[in-house]
Amino acid sequence: MSPITLEGVRQIFENSPFVAFLGFRFVHFEEGKVILELPIDNRLINVNKTVHGGAYAAMLDNILSMTIRSVVKDPVTTINLNIHYLDSISEGKMIATAKILKQGYKTLIGEGEITDGNGKLLAKGTGTFKVTRK
């Protein structure tokens, strides 16, 4: 059994310099259900005047790892991340959710999605994560 609590997992992500740099906000954080929000500002806009695909990728990677870690309570590392970019956005906010599709002892597979503030699907992705147990 891991000594890290759900609140401890949340604090790890809230104190992450990368999470702070991008501007992610936690809307909801419970075991197996995390909702992440990203207000769009000029730092995220690409040459096409829409949010850069790297911001989508970072958001999916983070929501998947946060959701998985909220369950296993141990560090996880991304092994694979696949993204389908479905629509662009240039203002407002992006909202991400995820769920675990398959949980093994050492690896987990999750599925995440990003919507806009009105629920329009912007991106969908799957990821495989390795659990680092101590």
N, C-alpha and C. Protein backbone atom coordinates (compact mmCIF):
# COMPACT_ATOMS: atom_id res chain seq x y z
N MET A 1 0.84 -1.19 0.00
CA MET A 1 0.00 0.00 0.00
C MET A 1 0.88 1.25 0.00
N SER A 2 0.56 2.19 -0.82
CA SER A 2 1.34 3.41 -0.96
C SER A 2 1.05 4.37 0.20
N PRO A 3 2.09 5.03 0.70
CA PRO A 3 1.87 5.99 1.78
C PRO A 3 1.31 7.33 1.29
N ILE A 4 1.24 7.54 -0.02
CA ILE A 4 0.74 8.80 -0.56
C ILE A 4 -0.78 8.76 -0.61
N THR A 5 -1.39 9.82 -0.11
CA THR A 5 -2.85 9.94 -0.11
C THR A 5 -3.31 10.65 -1.38
N LEU A 6 -4.61 10.64 -1.59
CA LEU A 6 -5.18 11.37 -2.73
C LEU A 6 -4.82 12.85 -2.64
N GLU A 7 -4.91 13.41 -1.44
CA GLU A 7 -4.57 14.83 -1.26
C GLU A 7 -3.08 15.05 -1.57
N GLY A 8 -2.25 14.09 -1.22
CA GLY A 8 -0.83 14.18 -1.54
C GLY A 8 -0.58 14.19 -3.03
N VAL A 9 -1.32 13.35 -3.75
CA VAL A 9 -1.20 13.31 -5.22
C VAL A 9 -1.62 14.66 -5.80
N ARG A 10 -2.72 15.20 -5.31
CA ARG A 10 -3.19 16.50 -5.80
C ARG A 10 -2.13 17.58 -5.57
N GLN A 11 -1.53 17.58 -4.40
CA GLN A 11 -0.52 18.59 -4.08
C GLN A 11 0.71 18.46 -4.97
N ILE A 12 1.08 17.23 -5.30
CA ILE A 12 2.22 17.02 -6.20
C ILE A 12 1.97 17.74 -7.52
N PHE A 13 0.78 17.58 -8.08
CA PHE A 13 0.47 18.23 -9.35
C PHE A 13 0.26 19.74 -9.19
N GLU A 14 -0.38 20.16 -8.12
CA GLU A 14 -0.59 21.60 -7.90
C GLU A 14 0.73 22.34 -7.73
N ASN A 15 1.75 21.67 -7.20
CA ASN A 15 3.05 22.28 -6.98
C ASN A 15 4.01 22.10 -8.14
N SER A 16 3.55 21.47 -9.22
CA SER A 16 4.41 21.24 -10.39
C SER A 16 4.68 22.55 -11.13
N PRO A 17 5.94 22.89 -11.36
CA PRO A 17 6.26 24.10 -12.13
C PRO A 17 5.67 24.06 -13.54
N PHE A 18 5.63 22.88 -14.17
CA PHE A 18 5.10 22.76 -15.52
C PHE A 18 3.60 23.03 -15.54
N VAL A 19 2.88 22.48 -14.58
CA VAL A 19 1.43 22.71 -14.48
C VAL A 19 1.16 24.20 -14.29
N ALA A 20 1.93 24.83 -13.42
CA ALA A 20 1.77 26.27 -13.18
C ALA A 20 2.14 27.09 -14.41
N PHE A 21 3.20 26.71 -15.10
CA PHE A 21 3.66 27.44 -16.28
C PHE A 21 2.58 27.48 -17.36
N LEU A 22 1.96 26.33 -17.61
CA LEU A 22 0.94 26.29 -18.65
C LEU A 22 -0.37 26.93 -18.20
N GLY A 23 -0.61 26.98 -16.91
CA GLY A 23 -1.82 27.63 -16.40
C GLY A 23 -2.98 26.69 -16.15
N PHE A 24 -2.71 25.38 -15.99
CA PHE A 24 -3.78 24.43 -15.69
C PHE A 24 -4.43 24.76 -14.35
N ARG A 25 -5.74 24.57 -14.29
CA ARG A 25 -6.50 24.76 -13.05
C ARG A 25 -7.27 23.48 -12.77
N PHE A 26 -7.29 23.08 -11.51
CA PHE A 26 -8.06 21.90 -11.11
C PHE A 26 -9.50 22.30 -10.84
N VAL A 27 -10.43 21.70 -11.57
CA VAL A 27 -11.85 21.93 -11.35
C VAL A 27 -12.39 20.89 -10.38
N HIS A 28 -11.87 19.66 -10.50
CA HIS A 28 -12.33 18.55 -9.66
C HIS A 28 -11.18 17.56 -9.52
N PHE A 29 -11.00 17.00 -8.32
CA PHE A 29 -9.93 16.04 -8.09
C PHE A 29 -10.37 15.02 -7.06
N GLU A 30 -10.76 13.86 -7.54
CA GLU A 30 -11.08 12.74 -6.65
C GLU A 30 -10.51 11.48 -7.27
N GLU A 31 -10.53 10.39 -6.54
CA GLU A 31 -9.96 9.16 -7.05
C GLU A 31 -10.66 8.70 -8.32
N GLY A 32 -9.91 8.63 -9.41
CA GLY A 32 -10.44 8.18 -10.68
C GLY A 32 -11.19 9.23 -11.48
N LYS A 33 -11.34 10.43 -10.95
CA LYS A 33 -12.06 11.48 -11.68
C LYS A 33 -11.40 12.83 -11.42
N VAL A 34 -10.70 13.29 -12.44
CA VAL A 34 -10.03 14.59 -12.38
C VAL A 34 -10.56 15.41 -13.55
N ILE A 35 -10.83 16.68 -13.29
CA ILE A 35 -11.23 17.61 -14.35
C ILE A 35 -10.24 18.76 -14.32
N LEU A 36 -9.64 19.02 -15.46
CA LEU A 36 -8.62 20.04 -15.59
C LEU A 36 -9.09 21.09 -16.58
N GLU A 37 -8.78 22.34 -16.29
CA GLU A 37 -9.20 23.45 -17.14
C GLU A 37 -7.96 24.25 -17.54
N LEU A 38 -7.99 24.75 -18.76
CA LEU A 38 -6.90 25.59 -19.25
C LEU A 38 -7.47 26.82 -19.92
N PRO A 39 -7.40 27.97 -19.23
CA PRO A 39 -7.82 29.22 -19.88
C PRO A 39 -6.85 29.55 -21.01
N ILE A 40 -7.38 29.96 -22.13
CA ILE A 40 -6.54 30.23 -23.30
C ILE A 40 -6.03 31.66 -23.24
N ASP A 41 -4.70 31.77 -23.36
CA ASP A 41 -4.09 33.10 -23.46
C ASP A 41 -3.10 33.09 -24.62
N ASN A 42 -2.50 34.22 -24.89
CA ASN A 42 -1.63 34.38 -26.07
C ASN A 42 -0.43 33.44 -26.09
N ARG A 43 0.02 32.98 -24.91
CA ARG A 43 1.18 32.07 -24.87
C ARG A 43 0.89 30.74 -25.56
N LEU A 44 -0.39 30.37 -25.68
CA LEU A 44 -0.77 29.07 -26.24
C LEU A 44 -1.09 29.12 -27.73
N ILE A 45 -1.13 30.33 -28.29
CA ILE A 45 -1.57 30.52 -29.67
C ILE A 45 -0.41 30.30 -30.65
N ASN A 46 -0.69 29.55 -31.73
CA ASN A 46 0.32 29.28 -32.74
C ASN A 46 0.22 30.28 -33.90
N VAL A 47 0.95 30.03 -34.98
CA VAL A 47 0.97 30.95 -36.12
C VAL A 47 -0.36 30.97 -36.87
N ASN A 48 -1.21 29.96 -36.66
CA ASN A 48 -2.53 29.93 -37.29
C ASN A 48 -3.59 30.62 -36.43
N LYS A 49 -3.14 31.23 -35.34
CA LYS A 49 -4.01 31.95 -34.41
C LYS A 49 -4.99 31.02 -33.67
N THR A 50 -4.55 29.77 -33.46
CA THR A 50 -5.31 28.80 -32.67
C THR A 50 -4.37 28.19 -31.63
N VAL A 51 -4.91 27.46 -30.66
CA VAL A 51 -4.08 26.84 -29.64
C VAL A 51 -3.15 25.81 -30.30
N HIS A 52 -1.89 25.87 -29.94
CA HIS A 52 -0.87 24.98 -30.48
C HIS A 52 -1.17 23.53 -30.08
N GLY A 53 -0.89 22.60 -30.98
CA GLY A 53 -1.11 21.18 -30.71
C GLY A 53 -0.33 20.67 -29.51
N GLY A 54 0.80 21.30 -29.22
CA GLY A 54 1.60 20.90 -28.05
C GLY A 54 0.85 21.15 -26.75
N ALA A 55 0.01 22.19 -26.72
CA ALA A 55 -0.79 22.45 -25.53
C ALA A 55 -1.85 21.36 -25.35
N TYR A 56 -2.44 20.92 -26.46
CA TYR A 56 -3.38 19.80 -26.42
C TYR A 56 -2.68 18.56 -25.86
N ALA A 57 -1.49 18.27 -26.41
CA ALA A 57 -0.74 17.08 -26.01
C ALA A 57 -0.38 17.14 -24.52
N ALA A 58 0.09 18.29 -24.08
CA ALA A 58 0.45 18.44 -22.66
C ALA A 58 -0.77 18.27 -21.77
N MET A 59 -1.91 18.80 -22.22
CA MET A 59 -3.13 18.69 -21.42
C MET A 59 -3.60 17.24 -21.34
N LEU A 60 -3.57 16.53 -22.46
CA LEU A 60 -3.98 15.12 -22.45
C LEU A 60 -3.01 14.28 -21.61
N ASP A 61 -1.73 14.50 -21.76
CA ASP A 61 -0.74 13.75 -20.99
C ASP A 61 -0.95 13.98 -19.49
N ASN A 62 -1.20 15.22 -19.11
CA ASN A 62 -1.39 15.54 -17.70
C ASN A 62 -2.71 14.99 -17.16
N ILE A 63 -3.80 15.12 -17.88
CA ILE A 63 -5.07 14.63 -17.35
C ILE A 63 -5.04 13.11 -17.22
N LEU A 64 -4.42 12.44 -18.18
CA LEU A 64 -4.30 10.99 -18.09
C LEU A 64 -3.44 10.57 -16.90
N SER A 65 -2.28 11.19 -16.75
CA SER A 65 -1.40 10.81 -15.65
C SER A 65 -2.00 11.17 -14.30
N MET A 66 -2.68 12.31 -14.22
CA MET A 66 -3.33 12.70 -12.95
C MET A 66 -4.44 11.73 -12.57
N THR A 67 -5.24 11.34 -13.55
CA THR A 67 -6.34 10.43 -13.28
C THR A 67 -5.80 9.06 -12.85
N ILE A 68 -4.81 8.57 -13.56
CA ILE A 68 -4.21 7.28 -13.20
C ILE A 68 -3.55 7.35 -11.84
N ARG A 69 -2.79 8.39 -11.59
CA ARG A 69 -2.09 8.50 -10.31
C ARG A 69 -3.05 8.70 -9.15
N SER A 70 -4.21 9.29 -9.42
CA SER A 70 -5.21 9.45 -8.34
C SER A 70 -5.70 8.08 -7.87
N VAL A 71 -5.58 7.08 -8.72
CA VAL A 71 -6.01 5.71 -8.38
C VAL A 71 -4.85 4.90 -7.78
N VAL A 72 -3.69 4.89 -8.45
CA VAL A 72 -2.59 4.02 -8.00
C VAL A 72 -1.75 4.65 -6.90
N LYS A 73 -1.77 5.96 -6.79
CA LYS A 73 -1.04 6.71 -5.75
C LYS A 73 0.48 6.58 -5.83
N ASP A 74 0.98 6.05 -6.92
CA ASP A 74 2.42 5.93 -7.17
C ASP A 74 2.78 6.73 -8.41
N PRO A 75 4.05 7.11 -8.55
CA PRO A 75 4.46 7.83 -9.76
C PRO A 75 4.19 7.00 -11.02
N VAL A 76 3.87 7.69 -12.10
CA VAL A 76 3.66 7.04 -13.39
C VAL A 76 4.46 7.77 -14.45
N THR A 77 4.84 7.02 -15.48
CA THR A 77 5.59 7.58 -16.60
C THR A 77 4.86 7.24 -17.89
N THR A 78 4.77 8.20 -18.77
CA THR A 78 4.13 7.98 -20.06
C THR A 78 5.00 7.08 -20.93
N ILE A 79 4.40 6.01 -21.43
CA ILE A 79 5.08 5.11 -22.36
C ILE A 79 4.69 5.46 -23.79
N ASN A 80 3.40 5.78 -23.98
CA ASN A 80 2.89 6.07 -25.31
C ASN A 80 1.72 7.04 -25.18
N LEU A 81 1.61 7.96 -26.12
CA LEU A 81 0.50 8.91 -26.14
C LEU A 81 0.06 9.09 -27.60
N ASN A 82 -1.21 8.83 -27.87
CA ASN A 82 -1.79 9.00 -29.20
C ASN A 82 -2.87 10.07 -29.12
N ILE A 83 -2.85 10.99 -30.08
CA ILE A 83 -3.80 12.11 -30.04
C ILE A 83 -4.51 12.25 -31.37
N HIS A 84 -5.80 12.48 -31.30
CA HIS A 84 -6.60 12.85 -32.47
C HIS A 84 -7.05 14.29 -32.25
N TYR A 85 -6.55 15.19 -33.09
CA TYR A 85 -6.93 16.60 -33.03
C TYR A 85 -8.20 16.74 -33.87
N LEU A 86 -9.29 17.12 -33.24
CA LEU A 86 -10.58 17.12 -33.91
C LEU A 86 -11.08 18.52 -34.27
N ASP A 87 -10.69 19.51 -33.51
CA ASP A 87 -11.13 20.88 -33.81
C ASP A 87 -10.16 21.86 -33.17
N SER A 88 -10.16 23.08 -33.66
CA SER A 88 -9.28 24.11 -33.12
C SER A 88 -10.07 25.06 -32.24
N ILE A 89 -9.31 25.82 -31.46
CA ILE A 89 -9.90 26.81 -30.56
C ILE A 89 -8.90 27.96 -30.44
N SER A 90 -9.41 29.17 -30.27
CA SER A 90 -8.52 30.31 -30.14
C SER A 90 -8.83 31.20 -28.95
N GLU A 91 -9.96 30.96 -28.29
CA GLU A 91 -10.30 31.76 -27.11
C GLU A 91 -11.21 30.95 -26.19
N GLY A 92 -11.33 31.42 -24.97
CA GLY A 92 -12.17 30.71 -24.00
C GLY A 92 -11.32 29.79 -23.13
N LYS A 93 -11.77 28.56 -22.98
CA LYS A 93 -11.04 27.61 -22.15
C LYS A 93 -11.18 26.21 -22.72
N MET A 94 -10.21 25.38 -22.35
CA MET A 94 -10.23 23.96 -22.70
C MET A 94 -10.44 23.19 -21.41
N ILE A 95 -11.23 22.13 -21.48
CA ILE A 95 -11.53 21.31 -20.31
C ILE A 95 -11.18 19.86 -20.64
N ALA A 96 -10.43 19.21 -19.74
CA ALA A 96 -10.00 17.84 -19.99
C ALA A 96 -10.50 16.89 -18.91
N THR A 97 -10.89 15.70 -19.37
CA THR A 97 -11.28 14.61 -18.48
C THR A 97 -10.63 13.33 -18.99
N ALA A 98 -10.59 12.31 -18.15
CA ALA A 98 -9.99 11.04 -18.56
C ALA A 98 -10.61 9.90 -17.76
N LYS A 99 -10.40 8.71 -18.30
CA LYS A 99 -10.82 7.51 -17.58
C LYS A 99 -9.81 6.41 -17.85
N ILE A 100 -9.75 5.46 -16.94
CA ILE A 100 -8.86 4.32 -17.10
C ILE A 100 -9.59 3.25 -17.89
N LEU A 101 -8.96 2.78 -18.96
CA LEU A 101 -9.55 1.73 -19.79
C LEU A 101 -9.11 0.34 -19.34
N LYS A 102 -7.85 0.22 -18.93
CA LYS A 102 -7.31 -1.08 -18.53
C LYS A 102 -6.25 -0.85 -17.46
N GLN A 103 -6.38 -1.57 -16.35
CA GLN A 103 -5.42 -1.42 -15.26
C GLN A 103 -4.74 -2.74 -14.97
N GLY A 104 -3.42 -2.77 -15.19
CA GLY A 104 -2.61 -3.91 -14.82
C GLY A 104 -1.76 -3.52 -13.62
N TYR A 105 -0.88 -4.41 -13.21
CA TYR A 105 -0.04 -4.13 -12.05
C TYR A 105 1.03 -3.09 -12.39
N LYS A 106 1.63 -3.20 -13.57
CA LYS A 106 2.72 -2.31 -13.94
C LYS A 106 2.34 -1.27 -14.99
N THR A 107 1.31 -1.53 -15.77
CA THR A 107 0.92 -0.56 -16.80
C THR A 107 -0.59 -0.33 -16.76
N LEU A 108 -0.96 0.88 -17.17
CA LEU A 108 -2.36 1.25 -17.28
C LEU A 108 -2.57 1.96 -18.60
N ILE A 109 -3.76 1.80 -19.15
CA ILE A 109 -4.13 2.49 -20.39
C ILE A 109 -5.32 3.38 -20.06
N GLY A 110 -5.22 4.62 -20.50
CA GLY A 110 -6.30 5.57 -20.25
C GLY A 110 -6.74 6.26 -21.52
N GLU A 111 -7.91 6.86 -21.44
CA GLU A 111 -8.47 7.62 -22.57
C GLU A 111 -8.88 8.99 -22.03
N GLY A 112 -8.47 10.03 -22.75
CA GLY A 112 -8.81 11.39 -22.32
C GLY A 112 -9.42 12.17 -23.45
N GLU A 113 -10.13 13.22 -23.07
CA GLU A 113 -10.67 14.11 -24.09
C GLU A 113 -10.63 15.55 -23.61
N ILE A 114 -10.58 16.43 -24.59
CA ILE A 114 -10.58 17.87 -24.34
C ILE A 114 -11.78 18.45 -25.06
N THR A 115 -12.53 19.27 -24.33
CA THR A 115 -13.67 19.99 -24.91
C THR A 115 -13.47 21.48 -24.68
N ASP A 116 -14.29 22.27 -25.37
CA ASP A 116 -14.29 23.70 -25.08
C ASP A 116 -15.28 23.95 -23.95
N GLY A 117 -15.49 25.20 -23.61
CA GLY A 117 -16.40 25.55 -22.52
C GLY A 117 -17.85 25.20 -22.78
N ASN A 118 -18.20 24.93 -24.04
CA ASN A 118 -19.57 24.56 -24.40
C ASN A 118 -19.74 23.06 -24.61
N GLY A 119 -18.69 22.28 -24.37
CA GLY A 119 -18.77 20.85 -24.53
C GLY A 119 -18.41 20.32 -25.90
N LYS A 120 -17.97 21.19 -26.81
CA LYS A 120 -17.56 20.75 -28.15
C LYS A 120 -16.25 19.99 -28.06
N LEU A 121 -16.19 18.78 -28.64
CA LEU A 121 -15.00 17.93 -28.57
C LEU A 121 -13.89 18.50 -29.46
N LEU A 122 -12.73 18.76 -28.83
CA LEU A 122 -11.58 19.32 -29.53
C LEU A 122 -10.50 18.29 -29.82
N ALA A 123 -10.31 17.36 -28.90
CA ALA A 123 -9.27 16.33 -29.07
C ALA A 123 -9.59 15.13 -28.21
N LYS A 124 -9.09 14.00 -28.66
CA LYS A 124 -9.26 12.76 -27.92
C LYS A 124 -7.92 12.03 -27.99
N GLY A 125 -7.57 11.35 -26.91
CA GLY A 125 -6.30 10.64 -26.92
C GLY A 125 -6.30 9.45 -26.00
N THR A 126 -5.36 8.56 -26.26
CA THR A 126 -5.14 7.43 -25.38
C THR A 126 -3.67 7.41 -24.99
N GLY A 127 -3.42 6.87 -23.82
CA GLY A 127 -2.05 6.79 -23.35
C GLY A 127 -1.80 5.53 -22.55
N THR A 128 -0.58 5.06 -22.62
CA THR A 128 -0.14 3.93 -21.82
C THR A 128 0.88 4.46 -20.82
N PHE A 129 0.71 4.07 -19.56
CA PHE A 129 1.55 4.58 -18.49
C PHE A 129 2.13 3.45 -17.66
N LYS A 130 3.40 3.60 -17.29
CA LYS A 130 4.09 2.64 -16.44
C LYS A 130 4.05 3.15 -15.01
N VAL A 131 3.69 2.27 -14.09
CA VAL A 131 3.68 2.62 -12.67
C VAL A 131 5.06 2.33 -12.09
N THR A 132 5.60 3.31 -11.36
CA THR A 132 6.89 3.16 -10.70
C THR A 132 6.62 2.95 -9.21
N ARG A 133 6.59 1.70 -8.81
CA ARG A 133 6.34 1.38 -7.39
C ARG A 133 7.67 1.33 -6.66
N LYS A 134 7.65 1.79 -5.43
CA LYS A 134 8.89 1.81 -4.62
C LYS A 134 8.96 0.59 -3.75
